[in-house]
Amino acid sequence: MNSSFLEVKNLSFSVKGKTDDIPILKDISFKLEKEKTLGIAGESGSGKTTLGKLLAGILRPVAGEIIFNHNIKQDNKKIHPVQILFQNNGEILNPFRKVSDMVDEAVRLRSGKKEMVNIRNDLFRSLNFAEDLWGRKGSELSGGEQQRAALARLLAAEPELLILDEPFSAQDPESQLNLLNLFLKIKNEFNITLICIAHNLRILRKLCDEIIIIYRGRQVEKGNTEDIFNSPKHPYTKFLINSEDYNLSYDELKSVF
């Protein structure tokens, strides 16, 4: 068995309220092997994005540990080995800079390779990012084009772990399928470890090796993707699966809410 690339132990996070701390995540624990894909599913406000930010080092936990395998590359301090594709691509792309310039900068910071232009062009082609868009500014791109440009910028940094935060939201089924195929391609071509945060369990089933279910800030289920779908244990997991088929009984609704 492969050693764990990432291990999370009893991770908790809270924010300051007027009188007391407000818990966001409580006792999250899991392991992830290198070059595997983990899905994180749950209700809006359950803490999924917060977990992604903790793993990326954007936030600090109030308790628990995040342990990366000692093989993770941290020799270049200018680029963090964990990158996150936010739901809002505006947090990654400068609206006033050309996409090619932003990607070139990421390549240069990571490796300083002389063949920077070739690396950038290969990356754009791998992501099916049309050549006539390379010289455009971030603000001149559509939402889907911004998403691919943001992906190019993140992958140019050669991250060990790429976190995808709700990448399928607000997209029609055809766009979701195209994006799913793109992520599968990235997984195979870049030998990268992925974490995908999403509401759509059907898409996670096609993309992920394992899935975690978070409910009200707690991890209520984790397992192999097919096991989760074929033999869900927690009522909320059953609710999520059945809700996609609109196959909910009154008892199922009552057990969750």
Protein backbone atom coordinates (compact mmCIF):
# COMPACT_ATOMS: atom_id res chain seq x y z
CA MET A 1 0.00 0.00 0.00
CA ASN A 2 1.23 3.50 -0.82
CA SER A 3 2.15 5.76 2.08
CA SER A 4 -0.12 8.68 2.80
CA PHE A 5 0.64 11.86 0.88
CA LEU A 6 -1.60 13.88 3.19
CA GLU A 7 -2.84 13.11 6.68
CA VAL A 8 -5.33 15.27 8.58
CA LYS A 9 -5.75 14.60 12.30
CA ASN A 10 -8.62 15.97 14.39
CA LEU A 11 -8.72 19.26 12.49
CA SER A 12 -10.97 21.97 13.95
CA PHE A 13 -11.61 25.59 13.06
CA SER A 14 -13.76 28.32 14.59
CA VAL A 15 -14.30 32.06 14.25
CA LYS A 16 -14.77 34.69 16.92
CA GLY A 17 -18.36 35.57 17.75
CA LYS A 18 -19.64 38.40 19.92
CA THR A 19 -19.54 36.29 23.06
CA ASP A 20 -18.19 32.84 22.12
CA ASP A 21 -16.24 31.14 19.38
CA ILE A 22 -18.42 29.83 16.55
CA PRO A 23 -17.33 26.34 15.42
CA ILE A 24 -17.01 25.84 11.66
CA LEU A 25 -15.22 22.46 11.50
CA LYS A 26 -14.86 19.86 14.24
CA ASP A 27 -12.50 16.88 14.40
CA ILE A 28 -11.92 16.26 10.70
CA SER A 29 -9.57 13.31 10.06
CA PHE A 30 -8.57 11.53 6.86
CA LYS A 31 -5.64 10.27 4.79
CA LEU A 32 -5.01 10.75 1.08
CA GLU A 33 -2.53 8.84 -1.08
CA LYS A 34 -0.38 10.56 -3.68
CA GLU A 35 -1.94 11.01 -7.14
CA LYS A 36 -5.39 10.03 -5.85
CA THR A 37 -8.49 12.21 -5.97
CA LEU A 38 -10.59 12.94 -2.90
CA GLY A 39 -14.10 14.37 -3.12
CA ILE A 40 -15.57 16.51 -0.35
CA ALA A 41 -19.35 16.88 -0.37
CA GLY A 42 -21.86 18.51 1.96
CA GLU A 43 -24.44 21.21 2.37
CA SER A 44 -23.75 24.90 1.75
CA GLY A 45 -22.14 26.35 4.85
CA SER A 46 -20.92 22.96 6.10
CA GLY A 47 -17.28 24.07 6.10
CA LYS A 48 -16.05 22.48 2.86
CA THR A 49 -14.36 25.59 1.48
CA THR A 50 -12.93 26.37 4.91
CA LEU A 51 -11.34 22.93 4.91
CA GLY A 52 -9.80 23.65 1.51
CA LYS A 53 -8.36 26.92 2.79
CA LEU A 54 -6.90 25.17 5.83
CA LEU A 55 -5.19 22.59 3.60
CA ALA A 56 -3.83 25.36 1.36
CA GLY A 57 -2.42 27.24 4.35
CA ILE A 58 -4.69 30.25 3.86
CA LEU A 59 -6.27 29.67 7.27
CA ARG A 60 -4.77 28.19 10.43
CA PRO A 61 -6.61 25.51 12.42
CA VAL A 62 -7.47 26.09 16.07
CA ALA A 63 -6.74 22.41 16.77
CA GLY A 64 -5.43 19.34 14.98
CA GLU A 65 -2.68 18.66 12.45
CA ILE A 66 -2.15 18.74 8.69
CA ILE A 67 0.77 16.48 7.78
CA PHE A 68 2.26 16.23 4.29
CA ASN A 69 4.45 13.37 3.22
CA HIS A 70 8.14 14.26 3.52
CA ASN A 71 8.50 13.87 -0.25
CA ILE A 72 6.48 17.01 -0.96
CA LYS A 73 8.59 19.63 -2.72
CA GLN A 74 9.13 22.72 -0.61
CA ASP A 75 12.52 23.79 -1.91
CA ASN A 76 11.14 26.91 -3.59
CA LYS A 77 9.50 29.12 -0.98
CA LYS A 78 8.03 31.49 -3.58
CA ILE A 79 5.41 28.93 -4.64
CA HIS A 80 3.30 26.99 -2.17
CA PRO A 81 3.07 23.24 -2.96
CA VAL A 82 -0.71 23.38 -2.45
CA GLN A 83 -2.80 25.49 -4.83
CA ILE A 84 -6.54 26.11 -4.79
CA LEU A 85 -8.88 26.91 -7.68
CA PHE A 86 -11.49 29.14 -6.06
CA GLN A 87 -15.10 29.22 -7.17
CA ASN A 88 -14.53 32.89 -7.96
CA ASN A 89 -11.73 32.92 -10.53
CA GLY A 90 -11.28 36.63 -9.88
CA GLU A 91 -9.32 35.66 -6.77
CA ILE A 92 -6.67 34.10 -9.04
CA LEU A 93 -6.69 36.21 -12.21
CA ASN A 94 -5.72 39.86 -12.38
CA PRO A 95 -8.41 41.45 -14.60
CA PHE A 96 -5.92 43.97 -16.02
CA ARG A 97 -3.09 41.60 -16.98
CA LYS A 98 -2.70 39.34 -19.99
CA VAL A 99 -3.24 35.67 -19.29
CA SER A 100 0.05 34.72 -20.97
CA ASP A 101 1.97 37.14 -18.71
CA MET A 102 0.38 35.72 -15.55
CA VAL A 103 1.22 32.15 -16.53
CA ASP A 104 4.78 33.12 -17.56
CA GLU A 105 5.29 34.68 -14.13
CA ALA A 106 4.18 31.48 -12.37
CA VAL A 107 6.52 29.35 -14.49
CA ARG A 108 9.43 31.73 -13.87
CA LEU A 109 8.86 31.84 -10.10
CA ARG A 110 8.72 28.08 -9.86
CA SER A 111 11.65 27.02 -11.97
CA GLY A 112 13.18 29.95 -13.84
CA LYS A 113 13.42 27.73 -16.92
CA LYS A 114 14.61 29.35 -20.13
CA GLU A 115 12.00 27.47 -22.16
CA MET A 116 9.28 29.38 -20.32
CA VAL A 117 7.25 30.22 -23.44
CA ASN A 118 7.21 26.58 -24.58
CA ILE A 119 6.06 25.43 -21.15
CA ARG A 120 3.27 28.01 -21.15
CA ASN A 121 2.11 27.14 -24.66
CA ASP A 122 2.10 23.40 -23.92
CA LEU A 123 0.07 24.09 -20.80
CA PHE A 124 -2.54 26.15 -22.66
CA ARG A 125 -2.91 23.46 -25.30
CA SER A 126 -3.23 20.73 -22.70
CA LEU A 127 -6.11 22.66 -21.12
CA ASN A 128 -7.78 23.29 -24.50
CA PHE A 129 -7.35 27.04 -23.98
CA ALA A 130 -7.78 28.61 -27.42
CA GLU A 131 -4.72 30.41 -28.81
CA ASP A 132 -6.64 33.59 -29.63
CA LEU A 133 -7.31 34.01 -25.89
CA TRP A 134 -3.70 33.85 -24.71
CA GLY A 135 -3.06 37.58 -25.11
CA ARG A 136 -6.35 38.73 -23.57
CA LYS A 137 -6.72 40.26 -20.13
CA GLY A 138 -8.56 38.45 -17.35
CA SER A 139 -11.53 40.81 -17.58
CA GLU A 140 -11.93 40.08 -21.31
CA LEU A 141 -12.67 36.38 -20.79
CA SER A 142 -15.96 34.59 -20.21
CA GLY A 143 -16.53 32.65 -16.98
CA GLY A 144 -15.49 29.34 -18.53
CA GLU A 145 -12.44 30.90 -20.18
CA GLN A 146 -11.41 32.49 -16.87
CA GLN A 147 -11.64 29.11 -15.21
CA ARG A 148 -9.25 27.51 -17.71
CA ALA A 149 -6.89 30.48 -17.52
CA ALA A 150 -6.88 30.22 -13.73
CA LEU A 151 -6.15 26.50 -13.99
CA ALA A 152 -3.23 27.22 -16.31
CA ARG A 153 -1.77 29.71 -13.83
CA LEU A 154 -2.09 27.23 -10.95
CA LEU A 155 -0.65 24.28 -12.89
CA ALA A 156 2.25 26.43 -14.06
CA ALA A 157 3.35 26.50 -10.44
CA GLU A 158 3.63 22.67 -10.51
CA PRO A 159 1.65 22.10 -7.30
CA GLU A 160 1.83 18.78 -5.47
CA LEU A 161 -1.83 19.14 -4.47
CA LEU A 162 -4.53 20.99 -6.38
CA ILE A 163 -7.80 21.80 -4.60
CA LEU A 164 -10.87 22.50 -6.73
CA ASP A 165 -13.50 24.55 -4.89
CA GLU A 166 -16.99 24.03 -6.39
CA PRO A 167 -15.70 24.02 -9.99
CA PHE A 168 -18.99 22.66 -11.39
CA SER A 169 -21.37 25.16 -9.81
CA ALA A 170 -23.62 27.34 -12.03
CA GLN A 171 -22.79 25.30 -15.15
CA ASP A 172 -25.08 23.45 -17.52
CA PRO A 173 -24.72 19.65 -17.86
CA GLU A 174 -22.65 19.87 -21.06
CA SER A 175 -20.20 22.32 -19.48
CA GLN A 176 -19.96 20.12 -16.40
CA LEU A 177 -19.13 17.09 -18.54
CA ASN A 178 -16.45 19.02 -20.47
CA LEU A 179 -14.90 20.20 -17.23
CA LEU A 180 -15.03 16.71 -15.74
CA ASN A 181 -13.15 15.34 -18.74
CA LEU A 182 -10.62 18.15 -18.40
CA PHE A 183 -9.96 17.29 -14.74
CA LEU A 184 -9.57 13.60 -15.61
CA LYS A 185 -7.05 14.64 -18.27
CA ILE A 186 -5.17 16.83 -15.77
CA LYS A 187 -5.10 13.97 -13.28
CA ASN A 188 -3.51 11.64 -15.83
CA GLU A 189 -1.13 14.06 -17.58
CA PHE A 190 0.21 15.98 -14.59
CA ASN A 191 0.42 13.10 -12.06
CA ILE A 192 -1.16 15.39 -9.50
CA THR A 193 -3.09 14.79 -6.29
CA LEU A 194 -6.56 16.35 -6.41
CA ILE A 195 -9.20 17.35 -3.88
CA CYS A 196 -12.55 18.34 -5.38
CA ILE A 197 -15.19 20.16 -3.35
CA ALA A 198 -18.62 19.86 -4.95
CA HIS A 199 -22.34 19.48 -4.34
CA ASN A 200 -22.85 17.15 -7.29
CA LEU A 201 -22.19 13.63 -6.04
CA ARG A 202 -22.65 12.11 -9.48
CA ILE A 203 -19.70 14.10 -10.81
CA LEU A 204 -17.60 13.23 -7.77
CA ARG A 205 -18.39 9.58 -8.42
CA LYS A 206 -16.81 9.82 -11.88
CA LEU A 207 -13.80 11.85 -10.74
CA CYS A 208 -12.85 10.68 -7.25
CA ASP A 209 -11.28 7.62 -5.67
CA GLU A 210 -12.65 8.45 -2.23
CA ILE A 211 -15.31 10.78 -0.83
CA ILE A 212 -15.79 12.57 2.48
CA ILE A 213 -19.24 13.74 3.55
CA ILE A 214 -19.37 16.79 5.84
CA TYR A 215 -22.53 17.73 7.69
CA ARG A 216 -22.78 20.73 10.02
CA GLY A 217 -19.02 20.98 10.28
CA ARG A 218 -18.44 17.32 11.09
CA GLN A 219 -17.14 14.49 8.96
CA VAL A 220 -19.99 11.98 9.03
CA GLU A 221 -18.74 9.50 6.42
CA LYS A 222 -15.62 8.65 4.44
CA GLY A 223 -14.84 5.78 2.14
CA ASN A 224 -14.16 4.39 -1.30
CA THR A 225 -16.40 6.18 -3.80
CA GLU A 226 -18.32 3.11 -4.92
CA ASP A 227 -18.79 1.97 -1.31
CA ILE A 228 -20.25 5.36 -0.45
CA PHE A 229 -22.77 5.10 -3.28
CA ASN A 230 -23.59 1.41 -2.90
CA SER A 231 -23.71 1.23 0.90
CA PRO A 232 -24.10 4.71 2.44
CA LYS A 233 -24.13 4.60 6.23
CA HIS A 234 -25.11 8.05 7.46
CA PRO A 235 -28.64 9.48 6.92
CA TYR A 236 -27.20 12.65 5.39
CA THR A 237 -25.17 10.66 2.83
CA LYS A 238 -28.34 8.79 1.87
CA PHE A 239 -30.14 12.13 1.63
CA LEU A 240 -27.53 13.57 -0.75
CA ILE A 241 -27.62 10.53 -3.01
CA ASN A 242 -31.41 10.30 -3.09
CA SER A 243 -31.89 14.04 -3.54
CA GLU A 244 -30.19 13.90 -6.92
CA ASP A 245 -32.89 11.48 -8.07
CA TYR A 246 -35.62 13.44 -6.26
CA ASN A 247 -36.27 10.17 -4.43
CA LEU A 248 -36.78 11.40 -0.86
CA SER A 249 -39.26 10.06 1.60
CA TYR A 250 -40.72 12.10 4.45
CA ASP A 251 -38.75 10.00 6.95
CA GLU A 252 -35.47 10.76 5.13
CA LEU A 253 -36.16 14.48 5.15
CA LYS A 254 -37.12 14.34 8.82
CA SER A 255 -33.99 12.34 9.78
CA VAL A 256 -31.70 15.00 8.34
CA PHE A 257 -33.53 18.21 9.12
